[in-house]
């Protein structure tokens, strides 16, 4: 009896060794400095673990077959992917689909990565080689269609059960930014510097705690570098800094991050808490929820509520449906053009027309991401618009069911 038990324990031990043979260092990969201890856009060098290197080599091989440049390994992304893999191991495989973009964004910002456009793939496998189908399939398709430029791979091993939790985070870096502080003194001036890598006509937008917003159209030199002074003189609190570039005549958010300004002796400020309650994932209920949240934001800012307009609802729903079917997120549609074109086609005469688009797991998460962006929140809080339409479509993206969201705001003639 005892002998059988001993052999059973040995068999389990050998199985654990076999499953972790691609690199026992995955159990404790390099953690890096404490979260938020460094400025944005700064990350110490790190050496990938054996398993992380194996996943990246799969990615390189897959890209070579299609004559594509593999995304470059990025230290900040690697640390963020390790943080995500550790979080996955604590939550368990059944919870992967419930990990929100907000949570992933927190890992990215914590490691100094402020690029706005990202995609994350999460998997649990007994062996790293079993990642090959995911790499050759969904990950490679996204690289080919969406032009991701940088990648981070994180692998964390657990022995009971003997699984490897693997996170792959990819970003599209349109702007390379120099180090910038997370906290400043109230009324302090800082200089934001960087280089435009893809796109043109950069714009820097900063929102203040008091609700005001400043927009700067930035000039670049012959090397596409720019330099923009920013003054944090809107009181103590949370400032949002957003950098946009134009691509195909459409503005895209390249980078988005928060800076906390504090006076001498003031208590430490933090990011806003998530919207409480169960997340809304049904498209029809999501549309109602977003309209409710939009008007709630306007009420907080002493603005009149918006009236739902059927024509704007149809425009928004059709644009969300096209984005879901064609797997893109943009104000510019390959078939209907921009929101101005869509409104004119629908016979709407307008003095002001504006649009927000988002992709997230729930209506609440989409709303939070839009309110975190100075440009998008300004559309929601525009005192002149009177009408609104919202379209939500649910579809599978990067292995999880997500909501494609379009919001249209209008002041008719």
Protein backbone atom coordinates (compact mmCIF):
# COMPACT_ATOMS: atom_id res chain seq x y z
CA UNK A 1 0.00 0.00 0.00
CA UNK A 2 2.71 2.48 1.04
CA UNK A 3 4.85 1.41 -1.90
CA UNK A 4 2.06 2.26 -4.36
CA UNK A 5 1.66 5.68 -2.80
CA UNK A 6 5.40 6.34 -3.11
CA UNK A 7 5.42 5.38 -6.78
CA UNK A 8 2.37 7.60 -7.36
CA UNK A 9 4.15 10.57 -5.83
CA UNK A 10 7.25 9.89 -7.95
CA UNK A 11 5.08 9.66 -11.09
CA UNK A 12 3.44 13.00 -10.34
CA UNK A 13 6.83 14.58 -9.66
CA UNK A 14 8.20 13.29 -12.97
CA UNK A 15 5.13 14.61 -14.79
CA UNK A 16 5.68 18.03 -13.24
CA UNK A 17 9.32 18.00 -14.37
CA UNK A 18 8.36 16.96 -17.90
CA UNK A 19 5.73 19.68 -18.18
CA UNK A 20 8.19 22.34 -17.04
CA UNK A 21 11.15 21.10 -19.07
CA UNK A 22 11.16 24.14 -21.37
CA UNK A 23 12.39 26.35 -18.54
CA UNK A 24 12.04 26.09 -14.78
CA UNK A 25 12.85 29.80 -14.53
CA UNK A 26 9.23 30.52 -15.50
CA UNK A 27 8.12 29.92 -11.92
CA UNK A 28 9.93 33.09 -10.84
CA UNK A 29 10.71 35.29 -13.86
CA UNK A 30 12.48 38.58 -13.30
CA UNK A 31 9.91 40.87 -11.69
CA UNK A 32 11.62 44.18 -12.37
CA UNK A 33 11.26 47.31 -10.22
CA UNK A 34 8.17 48.00 -8.14
CA UNK A 35 5.14 49.15 -10.10
CA UNK A 36 5.05 52.88 -10.77
CA UNK A 37 8.52 53.42 -9.26
CA UNK A 38 9.89 54.67 -12.60
CA UNK A 39 8.72 57.42 -14.98
CA UNK A 40 6.67 56.55 -18.03
CA UNK A 41 8.61 55.25 -21.04
CA UNK A 42 11.42 53.80 -18.93
CA UNK A 43 12.00 50.08 -18.42
CA UNK A 44 15.14 48.20 -17.34
CA UNK A 45 16.55 45.60 -19.70
CA UNK A 46 15.45 42.04 -19.08
CA UNK A 47 16.43 38.65 -20.43
CA UNK A 48 13.49 36.48 -21.59
CA UNK A 49 13.09 33.17 -19.78
CA UNK A 50 13.57 30.01 -21.79
CA UNK A 51 9.82 29.61 -22.35
CA UNK A 52 9.35 33.27 -23.24
CA UNK A 53 12.14 32.98 -25.79
CA UNK A 54 10.53 29.87 -27.23
CA UNK A 55 7.21 31.70 -27.80
CA UNK A 56 8.99 34.65 -29.42
CA UNK A 57 10.94 32.33 -31.75
CA UNK A 58 7.61 30.78 -32.81
CA UNK A 59 6.41 34.29 -33.61
CA UNK A 60 9.55 35.12 -35.59
CA UNK A 61 9.27 31.90 -37.60
CA UNK A 62 5.59 32.50 -38.37
CA UNK A 63 6.30 36.07 -39.53
CA UNK A 64 9.20 34.91 -41.73
CA UNK A 65 6.89 32.51 -43.57
CA UNK A 66 4.75 35.48 -44.58
CA UNK A 67 7.72 37.80 -45.24
CA UNK A 68 6.67 39.99 -42.32
CA UNK A 69 8.90 41.77 -39.87
CA UNK A 70 8.28 40.27 -36.43
CA UNK A 71 7.33 42.80 -33.74
CA UNK A 72 10.35 43.92 -31.72
CA UNK A 73 10.72 42.65 -28.15
CA UNK A 74 10.12 45.47 -25.69
CA UNK A 75 11.30 45.35 -22.03
CA UNK A 76 8.30 47.27 -20.68
CA UNK A 77 5.92 44.99 -22.54
CA UNK A 78 7.78 41.93 -21.28
CA UNK A 79 7.37 43.02 -17.66
CA UNK A 80 3.69 43.85 -18.30
CA UNK A 81 3.15 40.43 -19.92
CA UNK A 82 4.72 38.76 -16.87
CA UNK A 83 2.41 40.75 -14.59
CA UNK A 84 -0.55 39.62 -16.70
CA UNK A 85 0.61 35.97 -16.71
CA UNK A 86 0.92 36.04 -12.91
CA UNK A 87 -2.58 37.57 -12.68
CA UNK A 88 -3.88 34.82 -15.01
CA UNK A 89 -2.32 32.12 -12.82
CA UNK A 90 -4.09 33.57 -9.79
CA UNK A 91 -7.46 33.79 -11.55
CA UNK A 92 -7.36 30.44 -13.39
CA UNK A 93 -8.08 29.56 -17.06
CA UNK A 94 -11.88 29.86 -16.74
CA UNK A 95 -11.52 33.56 -15.90
CA UNK A 96 -9.38 34.60 -18.89
CA UNK A 97 -12.43 35.91 -20.77
CA UNK A 98 -13.32 38.18 -17.84
CA UNK A 99 -9.96 39.95 -17.69
CA UNK A 100 -10.73 43.48 -18.91
CA UNK A 101 -8.79 45.89 -21.09
CA UNK A 102 -8.72 48.21 -18.07
CA UNK A 103 -6.84 45.57 -16.07
CA UNK A 104 -4.40 44.94 -18.92
CA UNK A 105 -3.93 48.68 -19.41
CA UNK A 106 -3.09 48.97 -15.71
CA UNK A 107 -0.25 46.47 -16.17
CA UNK A 108 1.01 48.39 -19.21
CA UNK A 109 0.93 51.79 -17.54
CA UNK A 110 2.47 50.32 -14.41
CA UNK A 111 5.46 49.31 -16.53
CA UNK A 112 5.65 52.70 -18.26
CA UNK A 113 4.01 51.65 -21.55
CA UNK A 114 1.54 54.32 -22.70
CA UNK A 115 0.84 53.20 -26.28
CA UNK A 116 -2.93 53.28 -26.71
CA UNK A 117 -3.49 50.52 -29.28
CA UNK A 118 -2.79 47.05 -27.90
CA UNK A 119 -3.95 43.46 -28.09
CA UNK A 120 -3.44 40.71 -25.52
CA UNK A 121 -3.57 36.94 -25.98
CA UNK A 122 -3.88 34.65 -22.97
CA UNK A 123 -3.42 30.90 -22.87
CA UNK A 124 -2.66 28.08 -20.44
CA UNK A 125 -0.80 25.03 -21.73
CA UNK A 126 1.03 22.01 -20.38
CA UNK A 127 3.89 22.74 -22.78
CA UNK A 128 4.94 25.92 -24.56
CA UNK A 129 5.00 24.13 -27.92
CA UNK A 130 1.21 23.89 -27.70
CA UNK A 131 1.11 27.68 -28.29
CA UNK A 132 2.03 27.14 -31.93
CA UNK A 133 -1.57 27.06 -33.22
CA UNK A 134 -2.40 30.33 -31.47
CA UNK A 135 0.77 32.00 -32.74
CA UNK A 136 0.25 30.75 -36.31
CA UNK A 137 -3.43 31.70 -36.20
CA UNK A 138 -4.92 34.64 -34.30
CA UNK A 139 -1.66 36.33 -33.29
CA UNK A 140 -0.14 36.25 -36.79
CA UNK A 141 -3.41 37.46 -38.36
CA UNK A 142 -3.42 40.49 -36.07
CA UNK A 143 0.19 41.32 -36.87
CA UNK A 144 -0.52 41.12 -40.59
CA UNK A 145 -3.78 43.11 -40.52
CA UNK A 146 -3.14 45.66 -37.77
CA UNK A 147 0.58 46.38 -37.99
CA UNK A 148 1.67 45.71 -34.43
CA UNK A 149 5.27 46.84 -33.96
CA UNK A 150 6.33 45.64 -30.49
CA UNK A 151 5.63 42.59 -28.36
CA UNK A 152 6.15 41.27 -24.86
CA UNK A 153 5.83 37.64 -23.77
CA UNK A 154 5.32 36.54 -20.18
CA UNK A 155 5.26 32.95 -18.91
CA UNK A 156 4.52 31.86 -15.36
CA UNK A 157 4.57 28.17 -14.39
CA UNK A 158 2.46 26.53 -11.73
CA UNK A 159 3.04 22.96 -10.65
CA UNK A 160 -0.44 22.16 -9.26
CA UNK A 161 -1.96 21.81 -11.75
CA UNK A 162 1.17 21.65 -13.94
CA UNK A 163 0.32 24.50 -16.32
CA UNK A 164 2.17 27.32 -18.01
CA UNK A 165 0.26 30.61 -18.06
CA UNK A 166 1.30 32.49 -21.20
CA UNK A 167 0.55 36.13 -21.99
CA UNK A 168 1.42 37.85 -25.27
CA UNK A 169 0.86 41.63 -25.44
CA UNK A 170 1.35 43.52 -28.70
CA UNK A 171 1.23 47.26 -29.30
CA UNK A 172 1.35 49.60 -32.28
CA UNK A 173 3.88 52.33 -31.50
CA UNK A 174 3.13 55.42 -33.60
CA UNK A 175 5.06 57.75 -31.28
CA UNK A 176 8.25 57.11 -29.33
CA UNK A 177 8.13 59.23 -26.17
CA UNK A 178 10.98 60.19 -23.88
CA UNK A 179 10.72 59.63 -20.09
CA UNK A 180 7.95 61.64 -18.41
CA UNK A 181 7.07 61.79 -14.70
CA UNK A 182 3.95 60.22 -13.23
CA UNK A 183 3.62 62.91 -10.57
CA UNK A 184 4.42 66.61 -10.64
CA UNK A 185 4.05 69.57 -8.33
CA UNK A 186 0.96 71.72 -8.75
CA UNK A 187 1.64 74.55 -11.25
CA UNK A 188 4.86 72.84 -12.40
CA UNK A 189 5.83 72.94 -16.08
CA UNK A 190 7.32 69.91 -17.85
CA UNK A 191 8.42 69.34 -21.43
CA UNK A 192 7.02 66.39 -23.37
CA UNK A 193 9.45 65.23 -26.08
CA UNK A 194 9.41 62.38 -28.54
CA UNK A 195 9.45 61.27 -32.16
CA UNK A 196 6.62 60.46 -34.57
CA UNK A 197 7.29 57.01 -36.03
CA UNK A 198 4.10 56.50 -38.03
CA UNK A 199 1.57 59.13 -39.08
CA UNK A 200 1.78 62.90 -39.24
CA UNK A 201 0.46 66.15 -37.74
CA UNK A 202 0.80 65.24 -34.05
CA UNK A 203 -1.53 66.86 -31.53
CA UNK A 204 -1.10 66.90 -27.75
CA UNK A 205 -4.27 67.22 -25.66
CA UNK A 206 -4.25 67.65 -21.89
CA UNK A 207 -7.34 67.61 -19.68
CA UNK A 208 -7.32 69.22 -16.24
CA UNK A 209 -9.03 68.17 -12.99
CA UNK A 210 -11.28 71.24 -13.23
CA UNK A 211 -12.62 69.99 -16.59
CA UNK A 212 -10.79 72.37 -18.92
CA UNK A 213 -8.91 70.97 -21.92
CA UNK A 214 -5.95 72.35 -23.86
CA UNK A 215 -4.96 71.29 -27.36
CA UNK A 216 -1.56 71.85 -28.97
CA UNK A 217 -0.79 71.29 -32.65
CA UNK A 218 2.83 70.26 -32.46
CA UNK A 219 5.55 71.01 -34.99
CA UNK A 220 8.14 68.36 -35.84
CA UNK A 221 11.69 68.80 -37.10
CA UNK A 222 13.36 67.00 -40.01
CA UNK A 223 13.80 63.89 -37.84
CA UNK A 224 10.10 63.94 -36.86
CA UNK A 225 10.98 64.90 -33.30
CA UNK A 226 8.81 67.28 -31.30
CA UNK A 227 8.96 69.27 -28.07
CA UNK A 228 5.85 70.49 -26.23
CA UNK A 229 5.80 72.32 -22.86
CA UNK A 230 2.93 71.31 -20.54
CA UNK A 231 1.92 73.27 -17.44
CA UNK A 232 -0.10 71.59 -14.70
CA UNK A 233 -1.86 74.71 -13.47
CA UNK A 234 -5.47 73.52 -13.31
CA UNK A 235 -5.36 72.63 -9.64
CA UNK A 236 -4.39 69.46 -7.81
CA UNK A 237 -5.69 66.19 -9.20
CA UNK A 238 -5.59 63.89 -12.20
CA UNK A 239 -4.48 65.20 -15.61
CA UNK A 240 -4.86 63.15 -18.80
CA UNK A 241 -2.24 63.55 -21.52
CA UNK A 242 -3.11 62.31 -25.00
CA UNK A 243 -1.00 62.31 -28.16
CA UNK A 244 -2.78 61.93 -31.48
CA UNK A 245 -1.40 61.45 -34.98
CA UNK A 246 -3.16 61.46 -38.34
CA UNK A 247 -3.17 58.29 -40.40
CA UNK A 248 -5.10 58.16 -43.68
CA UNK A 249 -6.55 61.58 -42.80
CA UNK A 250 -8.06 60.16 -39.60
CA UNK A 251 -6.87 61.08 -36.08
CA UNK A 252 -5.70 58.14 -33.97
CA UNK A 253 -4.70 58.12 -30.32
CA UNK A 254 -1.05 57.09 -30.20
CA UNK A 255 -0.43 57.48 -26.48
CA UNK A 256 -2.55 58.12 -23.39
CA UNK A 257 -1.46 58.42 -19.76
CA UNK A 258 -2.31 60.15 -16.47
CA UNK A 259 -0.21 62.57 -14.45
CA UNK A 260 -1.04 63.48 -10.87
CA UNK A 261 -0.36 67.06 -9.75
CA UNK A 262 -0.17 67.68 -6.02
CA UNK A 263 0.53 70.56 -3.70
CA UNK A 264 2.84 70.48 -0.71
CA UNK A 265 1.48 68.23 2.04
CA UNK A 266 -1.61 67.11 0.08
CA UNK A 267 -2.71 63.44 0.38
CA UNK A 268 -1.75 61.03 -2.40
CA UNK A 269 -4.31 60.97 -5.18
CA UNK A 270 -5.32 57.84 -7.12
CA UNK A 271 -7.08 56.83 -10.33
CA UNK A 272 -10.93 56.77 -10.34
CA UNK A 273 -12.55 53.51 -9.23
CA UNK A 274 -14.36 51.33 -11.82
CA UNK A 275 -18.11 51.70 -12.32
CA UNK A 276 -19.77 49.37 -9.76
CA UNK A 277 -22.18 46.56 -10.58
CA UNK A 278 -22.31 43.68 -13.02
CA UNK A 279 -20.81 44.45 -16.46
CA UNK A 280 -23.27 44.93 -19.32
CA UNK A 281 -22.36 42.69 -22.27
CA UNK A 282 -25.68 42.37 -24.14
CA UNK A 283 -25.58 44.73 -27.16
CA UNK A 284 -29.12 46.14 -26.78
CA UNK A 285 -28.72 46.63 -23.04
CA UNK A 286 -25.23 48.03 -23.68
CA UNK A 287 -26.66 50.76 -25.91
CA UNK A 288 -29.14 51.77 -23.20
CA UNK A 289 -26.41 51.66 -20.54
CA UNK A 290 -24.04 53.85 -22.56
CA UNK A 291 -26.75 56.46 -23.17
CA UNK A 292 -27.48 56.41 -19.43
CA UNK A 293 -23.78 56.84 -18.58
CA UNK A 294 -23.36 59.64 -21.15
CA UNK A 295 -26.22 61.63 -19.66
CA UNK A 296 -24.98 60.90 -16.14
CA UNK A 297 -21.60 62.46 -17.05
CA UNK A 298 -23.38 65.47 -18.51
CA UNK A 299 -25.50 65.86 -15.38
CA UNK A 300 -22.33 65.82 -13.23
CA UNK A 301 -21.04 68.70 -15.34
CA UNK A 302 -24.32 70.68 -15.25
CA UNK A 303 -25.07 69.97 -18.92
CA UNK A 304 -28.46 69.16 -20.47
CA UNK A 305 -29.13 65.47 -21.26
CA UNK A 306 -28.97 64.32 -24.87
CA UNK A 307 -32.02 63.09 -26.78
CA UNK A 308 -31.79 59.74 -28.55
CA UNK A 309 -32.18 60.10 -32.32
CA UNK A 310 -33.24 57.11 -34.41
CA UNK A 311 -31.18 58.08 -37.45
CA UNK A 312 -28.05 58.50 -35.34
CA UNK A 313 -28.75 55.12 -33.70
CA UNK A 314 -28.87 53.49 -37.14
CA UNK A 315 -25.62 55.17 -38.25
CA UNK A 316 -23.86 54.07 -35.06
CA UNK A 317 -25.17 50.50 -35.22
CA UNK A 318 -24.15 50.07 -38.85
CA UNK A 319 -20.65 51.41 -38.21
CA UNK A 320 -20.18 49.08 -35.21
CA UNK A 321 -21.42 46.16 -37.31
CA UNK A 322 -18.95 46.96 -40.10
CA UNK A 323 -16.05 47.29 -37.64
CA UNK A 324 -16.95 43.91 -36.11
CA UNK A 325 -17.31 42.15 -39.46
CA UNK A 326 -14.11 43.62 -40.94
CA UNK A 327 -12.12 43.51 -37.69
CA UNK A 328 -11.03 47.16 -37.43
CA UNK A 329 -11.46 50.07 -35.02
CA UNK A 330 -11.48 53.45 -36.73
CA UNK A 331 -13.56 56.52 -37.45
CA UNK A 332 -12.78 55.95 -41.13
CA UNK A 333 -14.70 53.18 -42.87
CA UNK A 334 -13.36 51.72 -46.12
CA UNK A 335 -16.91 51.87 -47.55
CA UNK A 336 -18.72 54.80 -45.87
CA UNK A 337 -15.87 57.21 -45.12
CA UNK A 338 -16.06 59.41 -42.01
CA UNK A 339 -18.98 60.27 -39.73
CA UNK A 340 -19.65 63.45 -41.75
CA UNK A 341 -20.10 61.29 -44.86
CA UNK A 342 -22.37 58.83 -43.04
CA UNK A 343 -24.54 61.63 -41.65
CA UNK A 344 -24.93 63.30 -45.05
CA UNK A 345 -25.81 59.94 -46.65
CA UNK A 346 -28.55 59.53 -44.02
CA UNK A 347 -29.95 62.96 -44.92
CA UNK A 348 -28.96 64.62 -41.64
CA UNK A 349 -28.27 68.35 -41.79
CA UNK A 350 -25.91 69.21 -38.96
CA UNK A 351 -23.97 72.09 -37.50
CA UNK A 352 -21.86 69.77 -35.33
CA UNK A 353 -21.31 66.05 -35.74
CA UNK A 354 -18.83 63.98 -33.69
CA UNK A 355 -18.11 60.32 -33.10
CA UNK A 356 -16.49 58.06 -30.52
CA UNK A 357 -15.48 54.46 -31.21
CA UNK A 358 -14.30 51.88 -28.69
CA UNK A 359 -13.65 48.17 -28.21
CA UNK A 360 -14.03 46.58 -24.80
CA UNK A 361 -15.55 43.71 -22.83
CA UNK A 362 -18.52 45.65 -21.47
CA UNK A 363 -20.43 48.90 -21.89
CA UNK A 364 -19.08 50.18 -18.60
CA UNK A 365 -15.47 49.43 -19.51
CA UNK A 366 -15.91 51.10 -22.91
CA UNK A 367 -17.35 54.21 -21.24
CA UNK A 368 -14.47 54.39 -18.76
CA UNK A 369 -11.92 54.17 -21.56
CA UNK A 370 -13.65 56.96 -23.49
CA UNK A 371 -13.88 59.22 -20.45
CA UNK A 372 -10.16 58.63 -19.80
CA UNK A 373 -9.38 60.18 -23.20
CA UNK A 374 -9.52 64.00 -23.33
CA UNK A 375 -10.59 64.00 -26.98
CA UNK A 376 -13.37 61.45 -26.50
CA UNK A 377 -14.66 62.87 -23.23
CA UNK A 378 -14.89 66.31 -24.85
CA UNK A 379 -17.40 64.87 -27.35
CA UNK A 380 -19.49 63.41 -24.51
CA UNK A 381 -19.36 66.72 -22.61
CA UNK A 382 -19.80 69.08 -25.56
CA UNK A 383 -22.32 71.68 -24.31
CA UNK A 384 -23.57 72.42 -27.83
CA UNK A 385 -24.70 68.97 -29.01
CA UNK A 386 -28.30 67.89 -28.34
CA UNK A 387 -28.74 64.47 -29.99
CA UNK A 388 -27.05 61.10 -29.51
CA UNK A 389 -27.04 57.67 -31.13
CA UNK A 390 -25.21 54.58 -29.87
CA UNK A 391 -24.51 51.29 -31.63
CA UNK A 392 -23.09 48.19 -29.93
CA UNK A 393 -22.18 44.90 -31.63
CA UNK A 394 -20.71 41.87 -29.85
CA UNK A 395 -18.15 39.74 -31.69
CA UNK A 396 -15.10 37.59 -31.08
CA UNK A 397 -11.74 39.36 -31.18
CA UNK A 398 -8.41 37.95 -29.99
CA UNK A 399 -10.19 34.89 -28.63
CA UNK A 400 -12.71 36.70 -26.43
CA UNK A 401 -16.18 38.16 -26.93
CA UNK A 402 -15.95 41.95 -27.01
CA UNK A 403 -18.20 44.91 -27.73
CA UNK A 404 -17.65 47.21 -30.71
CA UNK A 405 -19.05 50.59 -29.70
CA UNK A 406 -19.91 53.68 -31.76
CA UNK A 407 -21.32 56.89 -30.24
CA UNK A 408 -22.55 59.74 -32.48
CA UNK A 409 -23.23 63.25 -31.16
CA UNK A 410 -25.05 65.93 -33.16
CA UNK A 411 -26.26 69.50 -33.16
CA UNK A 412 -28.74 69.65 -36.06
CA UNK A 413 -29.23 72.70 -38.26
